[in-house]
Amino acid sequence: MASERVRTRWLWAAPALLSLALAGCASVGGQIDDATARAELTAFQDTWVAAEIAGDADTLRSLMDERFLSTDSKGETSGREEYIDWITGFEVNPFTAELNRIELHGDTAILISTIGEHTKLTWVAQRRDGRWVGLEQTFTRLAKPD
């Protein structure tokens, strides 16, 4: 009689326990810790900047989503291939982008960087299959200090 009650409870509890276990695995496997994400995003930005300086269209293409958009400081927006053609069409002087802020929203990140004193760059990237892909970037011209 007691073994029947245990069996009945197990039959009722087993699906619930399995669901909880699977949900826990999915949330752990889908998450990336903050420090790792920040290190990956810093490397993502550094790789992008190096590719622009080198005129490396293939690397840039690998870092961008097919529907990537770039908006310049004049408000003009271009797609991935148009941006790559533009940036690789002239010699880019060496520069650095200082990563000032990263906001993580699950598998999506917003990065805010500055280039020199006069340019702010806002990036949107998404983590896919263990790597970050650029979705969008917007350049903003910063006012000169008084």
N, C-alpha and C. Protein backbone atom coordinates (compact mmCIF):
# COMPACT_ATOMS: atom_id res chain seq x y z
N MET A 1 0.82 -1.18 0.00
CA MET A 1 0.00 0.00 0.00
C MET A 1 0.87 1.25 0.00
N ALA A 2 1.91 1.30 0.87
CA ALA A 2 2.79 2.45 0.94
C ALA A 2 3.56 2.61 -0.36
N SER A 3 4.00 1.48 -0.95
CA SER A 3 4.75 1.57 -2.20
C SER A 3 3.87 2.10 -3.33
N GLU A 4 2.57 1.83 -3.28
CA GLU A 4 1.65 2.36 -4.30
C GLU A 4 1.54 3.88 -4.18
N ARG A 5 1.49 4.41 -2.94
CA ARG A 5 1.43 5.87 -2.75
C ARG A 5 2.71 6.53 -3.27
N VAL A 6 3.86 5.92 -2.99
CA VAL A 6 5.13 6.47 -3.47
C VAL A 6 5.15 6.46 -4.99
N ARG A 7 4.72 5.38 -5.59
CA ARG A 7 4.68 5.26 -7.04
C ARG A 7 3.74 6.31 -7.63
N THR A 8 2.59 6.50 -7.03
CA THR A 8 1.62 7.49 -7.51
C THR A 8 2.20 8.90 -7.41
N ARG A 9 2.82 9.20 -6.28
CA ARG A 9 3.44 10.53 -6.14
C ARG A 9 4.56 10.73 -7.14
N TRP A 10 5.38 9.70 -7.35
CA TRP A 10 6.47 9.81 -8.30
C TRP A 10 5.93 10.05 -9.71
N LEU A 11 4.88 9.36 -10.09
CA LEU A 11 4.29 9.54 -11.42
C LEU A 11 3.76 10.96 -11.59
N TRP A 12 3.24 11.53 -10.51
CA TRP A 12 2.74 12.90 -10.57
C TRP A 12 3.90 13.91 -10.58
N ALA A 13 4.93 13.65 -9.76
CA ALA A 13 6.02 14.60 -9.58
C ALA A 13 7.06 14.54 -10.69
N ALA A 14 7.24 13.39 -11.32
CA ALA A 14 8.29 13.24 -12.32
C ALA A 14 8.21 14.27 -13.44
N PRO A 15 7.05 14.48 -14.08
CA PRO A 15 7.00 15.49 -15.15
C PRO A 15 7.33 16.90 -14.64
N ALA A 16 6.88 17.25 -13.45
CA ALA A 16 7.16 18.58 -12.90
C ALA A 16 8.65 18.73 -12.62
N LEU A 17 9.28 17.72 -12.03
CA LEU A 17 10.71 17.78 -11.77
C LEU A 17 11.52 17.84 -13.06
N LEU A 18 11.12 17.08 -14.06
CA LEU A 18 11.80 17.11 -15.35
C LEU A 18 11.68 18.49 -15.99
N SER A 19 10.51 19.09 -15.92
CA SER A 19 10.31 20.44 -16.47
C SER A 19 11.20 21.45 -15.77
N LEU A 20 11.26 21.37 -14.44
CA LEU A 20 12.12 22.29 -13.69
C LEU A 20 13.58 22.09 -14.06
N ALA A 21 14.02 20.85 -14.18
CA ALA A 21 15.41 20.57 -14.53
C ALA A 21 15.74 21.10 -15.91
N LEU A 22 14.86 20.87 -16.88
CA LEU A 22 15.10 21.35 -18.24
C LEU A 22 15.09 22.87 -18.30
N ALA A 23 14.19 23.50 -17.58
CA ALA A 23 14.14 24.96 -17.57
C ALA A 23 15.43 25.52 -16.97
N GLY A 24 15.92 24.89 -15.92
CA GLY A 24 17.17 25.34 -15.32
C GLY A 24 18.34 25.19 -16.26
N CYS A 25 18.40 24.08 -17.00
CA CYS A 25 19.48 23.89 -17.96
C CYS A 25 19.41 24.91 -19.07
N ALA A 26 18.22 25.19 -19.55
CA ALA A 26 18.08 26.16 -20.65
C ALA A 26 18.52 27.54 -20.22
N SER A 27 18.15 27.94 -19.01
CA SER A 27 18.52 29.29 -18.58
C SER A 27 20.01 29.39 -18.31
N VAL A 28 20.63 28.36 -17.78
CA VAL A 28 22.06 28.40 -17.53
C VAL A 28 22.82 28.36 -18.85
N GLY A 29 22.41 27.48 -19.76
CA GLY A 29 23.11 27.34 -21.03
C GLY A 29 22.96 28.55 -21.92
N GLY A 30 21.85 29.28 -21.82
CA GLY A 30 21.61 30.43 -22.67
C GLY A 30 22.21 31.71 -22.14
N GLN A 31 22.67 31.71 -20.91
CA GLN A 31 23.19 32.92 -20.29
C GLN A 31 24.70 32.99 -20.45
N ILE A 32 25.19 34.21 -20.46
CA ILE A 32 26.63 34.44 -20.47
C ILE A 32 26.90 35.36 -19.29
N ASP A 33 27.96 35.08 -18.55
CA ASP A 33 28.21 35.93 -17.39
C ASP A 33 28.70 37.30 -17.86
N ASP A 34 28.48 38.27 -17.02
CA ASP A 34 28.76 39.68 -17.31
C ASP A 34 30.22 39.91 -17.71
N ALA A 35 31.14 39.37 -16.97
CA ALA A 35 32.56 39.59 -17.24
C ALA A 35 32.97 39.00 -18.59
N THR A 36 32.46 37.82 -18.90
CA THR A 36 32.76 37.19 -20.19
C THR A 36 32.19 38.01 -21.33
N ALA A 37 30.95 38.44 -21.19
CA ALA A 37 30.31 39.25 -22.23
C ALA A 37 31.10 40.53 -22.47
N ARG A 38 31.51 41.19 -21.40
CA ARG A 38 32.26 42.44 -21.54
C ARG A 38 33.60 42.21 -22.23
N ALA A 39 34.27 41.13 -21.89
CA ALA A 39 35.55 40.82 -22.53
C ALA A 39 35.34 40.52 -24.02
N GLU A 40 34.31 39.74 -24.32
CA GLU A 40 34.01 39.41 -25.72
C GLU A 40 33.64 40.66 -26.52
N LEU A 41 32.85 41.55 -25.92
CA LEU A 41 32.42 42.77 -26.62
C LEU A 41 33.59 43.73 -26.82
N THR A 42 34.50 43.79 -25.89
CA THR A 42 35.70 44.61 -26.06
C THR A 42 36.53 44.07 -27.22
N ALA A 43 36.70 42.75 -27.28
CA ALA A 43 37.43 42.12 -28.38
C ALA A 43 36.70 42.33 -29.71
N PHE A 44 35.37 42.25 -29.69
CA PHE A 44 34.56 42.48 -30.88
C PHE A 44 34.84 43.88 -31.44
N GLN A 45 34.79 44.89 -30.56
CA GLN A 45 35.03 46.26 -31.00
C GLN A 45 36.47 46.43 -31.51
N ASP A 46 37.43 45.88 -30.79
CA ASP A 46 38.84 46.01 -31.19
C ASP A 46 39.09 45.35 -32.54
N THR A 47 38.48 44.20 -32.78
CA THR A 47 38.62 43.50 -34.06
C THR A 47 38.01 44.33 -35.18
N TRP A 48 36.85 44.92 -34.91
CA TRP A 48 36.17 45.76 -35.90
C TRP A 48 37.04 46.95 -36.28
N VAL A 49 37.56 47.66 -35.28
CA VAL A 49 38.39 48.84 -35.52
C VAL A 49 39.63 48.44 -36.33
N ALA A 50 40.28 47.35 -35.95
CA ALA A 50 41.47 46.88 -36.67
C ALA A 50 41.13 46.56 -38.12
N ALA A 51 39.97 45.96 -38.36
CA ALA A 51 39.55 45.62 -39.72
C ALA A 51 39.30 46.88 -40.55
N GLU A 52 38.72 47.91 -39.93
CA GLU A 52 38.51 49.17 -40.65
C GLU A 52 39.85 49.79 -41.03
N ILE A 53 40.78 49.83 -40.09
CA ILE A 53 42.10 50.42 -40.35
C ILE A 53 42.82 49.65 -41.45
N ALA A 54 42.71 48.32 -41.44
CA ALA A 54 43.38 47.47 -42.43
C ALA A 54 42.63 47.41 -43.76
N GLY A 55 41.40 47.92 -43.81
CA GLY A 55 40.60 47.80 -45.02
C GLY A 55 40.19 46.37 -45.30
N ASP A 56 39.97 45.59 -44.25
CA ASP A 56 39.66 44.16 -44.34
C ASP A 56 38.15 43.93 -44.44
N ALA A 57 37.66 43.93 -45.67
CA ALA A 57 36.22 43.77 -45.92
C ALA A 57 35.69 42.43 -45.43
N ASP A 58 36.46 41.38 -45.58
CA ASP A 58 35.99 40.05 -45.17
C ASP A 58 35.76 39.97 -43.67
N THR A 59 36.69 40.52 -42.89
CA THR A 59 36.52 40.51 -41.43
C THR A 59 35.32 41.36 -41.05
N LEU A 60 35.20 42.55 -41.63
CA LEU A 60 34.03 43.39 -41.33
C LEU A 60 32.74 42.66 -41.64
N ARG A 61 32.69 42.04 -42.80
CA ARG A 61 31.48 41.30 -43.20
C ARG A 61 31.15 40.21 -42.19
N SER A 62 32.19 39.54 -41.68
CA SER A 62 31.96 38.44 -40.71
C SER A 62 31.45 38.96 -39.37
N LEU A 63 31.71 40.22 -39.08
CA LEU A 63 31.27 40.81 -37.81
C LEU A 63 29.88 41.41 -37.88
N MET A 64 29.33 41.52 -39.10
CA MET A 64 28.05 42.21 -39.29
C MET A 64 26.93 41.25 -39.68
N ASP A 65 25.76 41.54 -39.18
CA ASP A 65 24.55 40.87 -39.63
C ASP A 65 24.31 41.28 -41.10
N GLU A 66 23.67 40.42 -41.85
CA GLU A 66 23.37 40.75 -43.26
C GLU A 66 22.53 42.01 -43.39
N ARG A 67 21.70 42.29 -42.39
CA ARG A 67 20.83 43.48 -42.42
C ARG A 67 21.41 44.63 -41.60
N PHE A 68 22.71 44.60 -41.35
CA PHE A 68 23.40 45.64 -40.60
C PHE A 68 23.09 47.03 -41.18
N LEU A 69 22.94 48.00 -40.28
CA LEU A 69 22.72 49.39 -40.67
C LEU A 69 23.73 50.28 -39.97
N SER A 70 24.19 51.30 -40.69
CA SER A 70 25.08 52.30 -40.12
C SER A 70 24.50 53.67 -40.42
N THR A 71 24.39 54.49 -39.37
CA THR A 71 23.90 55.86 -39.54
C THR A 71 25.04 56.81 -39.19
N ASP A 72 25.40 57.66 -40.15
CA ASP A 72 26.50 58.58 -39.91
C ASP A 72 26.02 59.82 -39.15
N SER A 73 26.95 60.70 -38.82
CA SER A 73 26.61 61.87 -38.01
C SER A 73 25.76 62.89 -38.76
N LYS A 74 25.61 62.71 -40.07
CA LYS A 74 24.71 63.58 -40.85
C LYS A 74 23.29 63.00 -40.90
N GLY A 75 23.13 61.81 -40.36
CA GLY A 75 21.81 61.17 -40.35
C GLY A 75 21.55 60.26 -41.53
N GLU A 76 22.54 60.02 -42.38
CA GLU A 76 22.37 59.15 -43.53
C GLU A 76 22.64 57.70 -43.14
N THR A 77 21.77 56.81 -43.56
CA THR A 77 21.86 55.40 -43.19
C THR A 77 22.25 54.56 -44.40
N SER A 78 23.16 53.62 -44.17
CA SER A 78 23.59 52.71 -45.23
C SER A 78 23.52 51.28 -44.71
N GLY A 79 23.44 50.35 -45.64
CA GLY A 79 23.43 48.93 -45.31
C GLY A 79 24.84 48.38 -45.22
N ARG A 80 24.93 47.09 -44.97
CA ARG A 80 26.22 46.43 -44.74
C ARG A 80 27.20 46.62 -45.89
N GLU A 81 26.80 46.22 -47.10
CA GLU A 81 27.74 46.27 -48.22
C GLU A 81 28.11 47.71 -48.58
N GLU A 82 27.15 48.60 -48.50
CA GLU A 82 27.43 50.01 -48.78
C GLU A 82 28.45 50.57 -47.76
N TYR A 83 28.26 50.22 -46.49
CA TYR A 83 29.19 50.69 -45.46
C TYR A 83 30.58 50.09 -45.69
N ILE A 84 30.65 48.80 -45.96
CA ILE A 84 31.95 48.15 -46.19
C ILE A 84 32.65 48.77 -47.40
N ASP A 85 31.91 48.99 -48.48
CA ASP A 85 32.52 49.62 -49.66
C ASP A 85 33.06 51.01 -49.32
N TRP A 86 32.31 51.76 -48.52
CA TRP A 86 32.74 53.10 -48.15
C TRP A 86 33.99 53.07 -47.28
N ILE A 87 33.97 52.28 -46.21
CA ILE A 87 35.07 52.30 -45.24
C ILE A 87 36.35 51.68 -45.81
N THR A 88 36.22 50.76 -46.74
CA THR A 88 37.41 50.15 -47.34
C THR A 88 37.84 50.89 -48.60
N GLY A 89 37.11 51.93 -48.98
CA GLY A 89 37.41 52.68 -50.20
C GLY A 89 38.44 53.78 -50.02
N PHE A 90 38.94 53.98 -48.81
CA PHE A 90 39.97 54.98 -48.56
C PHE A 90 40.86 54.51 -47.42
N GLU A 91 41.98 55.17 -47.27
CA GLU A 91 42.91 54.79 -46.20
C GLU A 91 42.40 55.38 -44.88
N VAL A 92 42.14 54.51 -43.94
CA VAL A 92 41.67 54.93 -42.61
C VAL A 92 42.88 55.12 -41.72
N ASN A 93 43.02 56.31 -41.19
CA ASN A 93 44.11 56.58 -40.25
C ASN A 93 43.89 55.77 -38.98
N PRO A 94 44.98 55.27 -38.39
CA PRO A 94 44.83 54.52 -37.14
C PRO A 94 44.08 55.34 -36.08
N PHE A 95 43.18 54.67 -35.38
CA PHE A 95 42.40 55.31 -34.32
C PHE A 95 42.05 54.27 -33.29
N THR A 96 41.59 54.72 -32.16
CA THR A 96 41.08 53.81 -31.14
C THR A 96 39.67 54.25 -30.78
N ALA A 97 38.89 53.30 -30.41
CA ALA A 97 37.54 53.56 -29.90
C ALA A 97 37.56 53.19 -28.43
N GLU A 98 37.27 54.17 -27.59
CA GLU A 98 37.25 53.92 -26.15
C GLU A 98 35.86 53.46 -25.75
N LEU A 99 35.79 52.24 -25.26
CA LEU A 99 34.51 51.65 -24.86
C LEU A 99 34.14 52.21 -23.49
N ASN A 100 33.12 53.07 -23.44
CA ASN A 100 32.73 53.75 -22.22
C ASN A 100 31.64 53.03 -21.44
N ARG A 101 30.77 52.32 -22.14
CA ARG A 101 29.63 51.70 -21.45
C ARG A 101 29.11 50.51 -22.26
N ILE A 102 28.73 49.47 -21.53
CA ILE A 102 28.09 48.30 -22.12
C ILE A 102 26.82 48.03 -21.34
N GLU A 103 25.72 47.92 -22.03
CA GLU A 103 24.44 47.53 -21.42
C GLU A 103 24.02 46.20 -22.02
N LEU A 104 23.89 45.20 -21.18
CA LEU A 104 23.48 43.87 -21.64
C LEU A 104 21.98 43.69 -21.46
N HIS A 105 21.34 43.16 -22.48
CA HIS A 105 19.91 42.86 -22.47
C HIS A 105 19.75 41.44 -23.02
N GLY A 106 20.05 40.46 -22.17
CA GLY A 106 20.02 39.07 -22.62
C GLY A 106 21.13 38.84 -23.62
N ASP A 107 20.77 38.42 -24.84
CA ASP A 107 21.78 38.15 -25.87
C ASP A 107 22.04 39.37 -26.75
N THR A 108 21.55 40.52 -26.33
CA THR A 108 21.75 41.76 -27.08
C THR A 108 22.52 42.74 -26.21
N ALA A 109 23.40 43.50 -26.83
CA ALA A 109 24.20 44.47 -26.09
C ALA A 109 24.19 45.82 -26.80
N ILE A 110 24.24 46.88 -26.00
CA ILE A 110 24.42 48.23 -26.50
C ILE A 110 25.78 48.68 -26.00
N LEU A 111 26.62 49.13 -26.90
CA LEU A 111 27.95 49.60 -26.56
C LEU A 111 28.02 51.08 -26.89
N ILE A 112 28.58 51.85 -26.00
CA ILE A 112 28.76 53.28 -26.25
C ILE A 112 30.26 53.56 -26.16
N SER A 113 30.80 54.09 -27.25
CA SER A 113 32.22 54.35 -27.35
C SER A 113 32.45 55.78 -27.82
N THR A 114 33.65 56.25 -27.60
CA THR A 114 34.05 57.54 -28.16
C THR A 114 35.30 57.33 -29.00
N ILE A 115 35.36 58.11 -30.07
CA ILE A 115 36.52 58.12 -30.95
C ILE A 115 37.04 59.55 -30.89
N GLY A 116 38.17 59.73 -30.26
CA GLY A 116 38.69 61.08 -30.07
C GLY A 116 37.76 61.90 -29.18
N GLU A 117 37.78 63.20 -29.38
CA GLU A 117 36.97 64.10 -28.55
C GLU A 117 35.64 64.47 -29.19
N HIS A 118 35.48 64.14 -30.47
CA HIS A 118 34.34 64.69 -31.19
C HIS A 118 33.34 63.67 -31.73
N THR A 119 33.58 62.37 -31.53
CA THR A 119 32.69 61.38 -32.10
C THR A 119 32.25 60.37 -31.05
N LYS A 120 30.96 60.16 -30.97
CA LYS A 120 30.36 59.14 -30.11
C LYS A 120 29.82 58.05 -31.04
N LEU A 121 30.04 56.82 -30.67
CA LEU A 121 29.59 55.68 -31.47
C LEU A 121 28.73 54.78 -30.59
N THR A 122 27.52 54.54 -31.03
CA THR A 122 26.62 53.63 -30.33
C THR A 122 26.44 52.40 -31.21
N TRP A 123 26.74 51.24 -30.66
CA TRP A 123 26.64 49.97 -31.37
C TRP A 123 25.51 49.14 -30.76
N VAL A 124 24.90 48.31 -31.57
CA VAL A 124 23.99 47.28 -31.08
C VAL A 124 24.52 45.97 -31.64
N ALA A 125 24.75 45.01 -30.75
CA ALA A 125 25.28 43.70 -31.15
C ALA A 125 24.43 42.61 -30.51
N GLN A 126 24.43 41.46 -31.16
CA GLN A 126 23.67 40.31 -30.65
C GLN A 126 24.58 39.10 -30.64
N ARG A 127 24.46 38.31 -29.57
CA ARG A 127 25.27 37.09 -29.45
C ARG A 127 24.53 35.95 -30.13
N ARG A 128 25.20 35.35 -31.12
CA ARG A 128 24.63 34.23 -31.86
C ARG A 128 25.67 33.13 -31.98
N ASP A 129 25.27 31.94 -31.65
CA ASP A 129 26.17 30.78 -31.77
C ASP A 129 27.54 31.05 -31.14
N GLY A 130 27.53 31.70 -29.97
CA GLY A 130 28.75 31.92 -29.23
C GLY A 130 29.61 33.09 -29.67
N ARG A 131 29.10 33.93 -30.58
CA ARG A 131 29.88 35.09 -31.00
C ARG A 131 28.97 36.30 -31.20
N TRP A 132 29.55 37.48 -31.12
CA TRP A 132 28.80 38.72 -31.26
C TRP A 132 28.75 39.16 -32.71
N VAL A 133 27.59 39.65 -33.13
CA VAL A 133 27.36 40.12 -34.50
C VAL A 133 26.79 41.54 -34.41
N GLY A 134 27.35 42.45 -35.18
CA GLY A 134 26.87 43.82 -35.19
C GLY A 134 25.58 43.95 -35.97
N LEU A 135 24.58 44.58 -35.34
CA LEU A 135 23.30 44.83 -35.99
C LEU A 135 23.21 46.26 -36.50
N GLU A 136 23.82 47.19 -35.72
CA GLU A 136 23.65 48.60 -36.04
C GLU A 136 24.73 49.41 -35.37
N GLN A 137 25.08 50.53 -36.00
CA GLN A 137 25.96 51.50 -35.37
C GLN A 137 25.48 52.89 -35.76
N THR A 138 25.60 53.82 -34.83
CA THR A 138 25.21 55.21 -35.08
C THR A 138 26.33 56.12 -34.59
N PHE A 139 26.79 56.98 -35.48
CA PHE A 139 27.80 57.97 -35.15
C PHE A 139 27.10 59.28 -34.77
N THR A 140 27.57 59.90 -33.71
CA THR A 140 27.06 61.20 -33.28
C THR A 140 28.24 62.14 -33.14
N ARG A 141 28.11 63.31 -33.71
CA ARG A 141 29.15 64.34 -33.60
C ARG A 141 28.96 65.05 -32.26
N LEU A 142 30.00 65.07 -31.44
CA LEU A 142 29.93 65.73 -30.14
C LEU A 142 30.29 67.20 -30.30
N ALA A 143 29.58 68.03 -29.58
CA ALA A 143 29.86 69.47 -29.62
C ALA A 143 31.24 69.73 -29.01
N LYS A 144 31.91 70.72 -29.56
CA LYS A 144 33.20 71.11 -29.00
C LYS A 144 32.97 71.77 -27.66
N PRO A 145 33.80 71.43 -26.67
CA PRO A 145 33.64 72.08 -25.35
C PRO A 145 33.90 73.58 -25.45
N ASP A 146 33.19 74.33 -24.62
CA ASP A 146 33.38 75.80 -24.61
C ASP A 146 34.72 76.20 -24.07
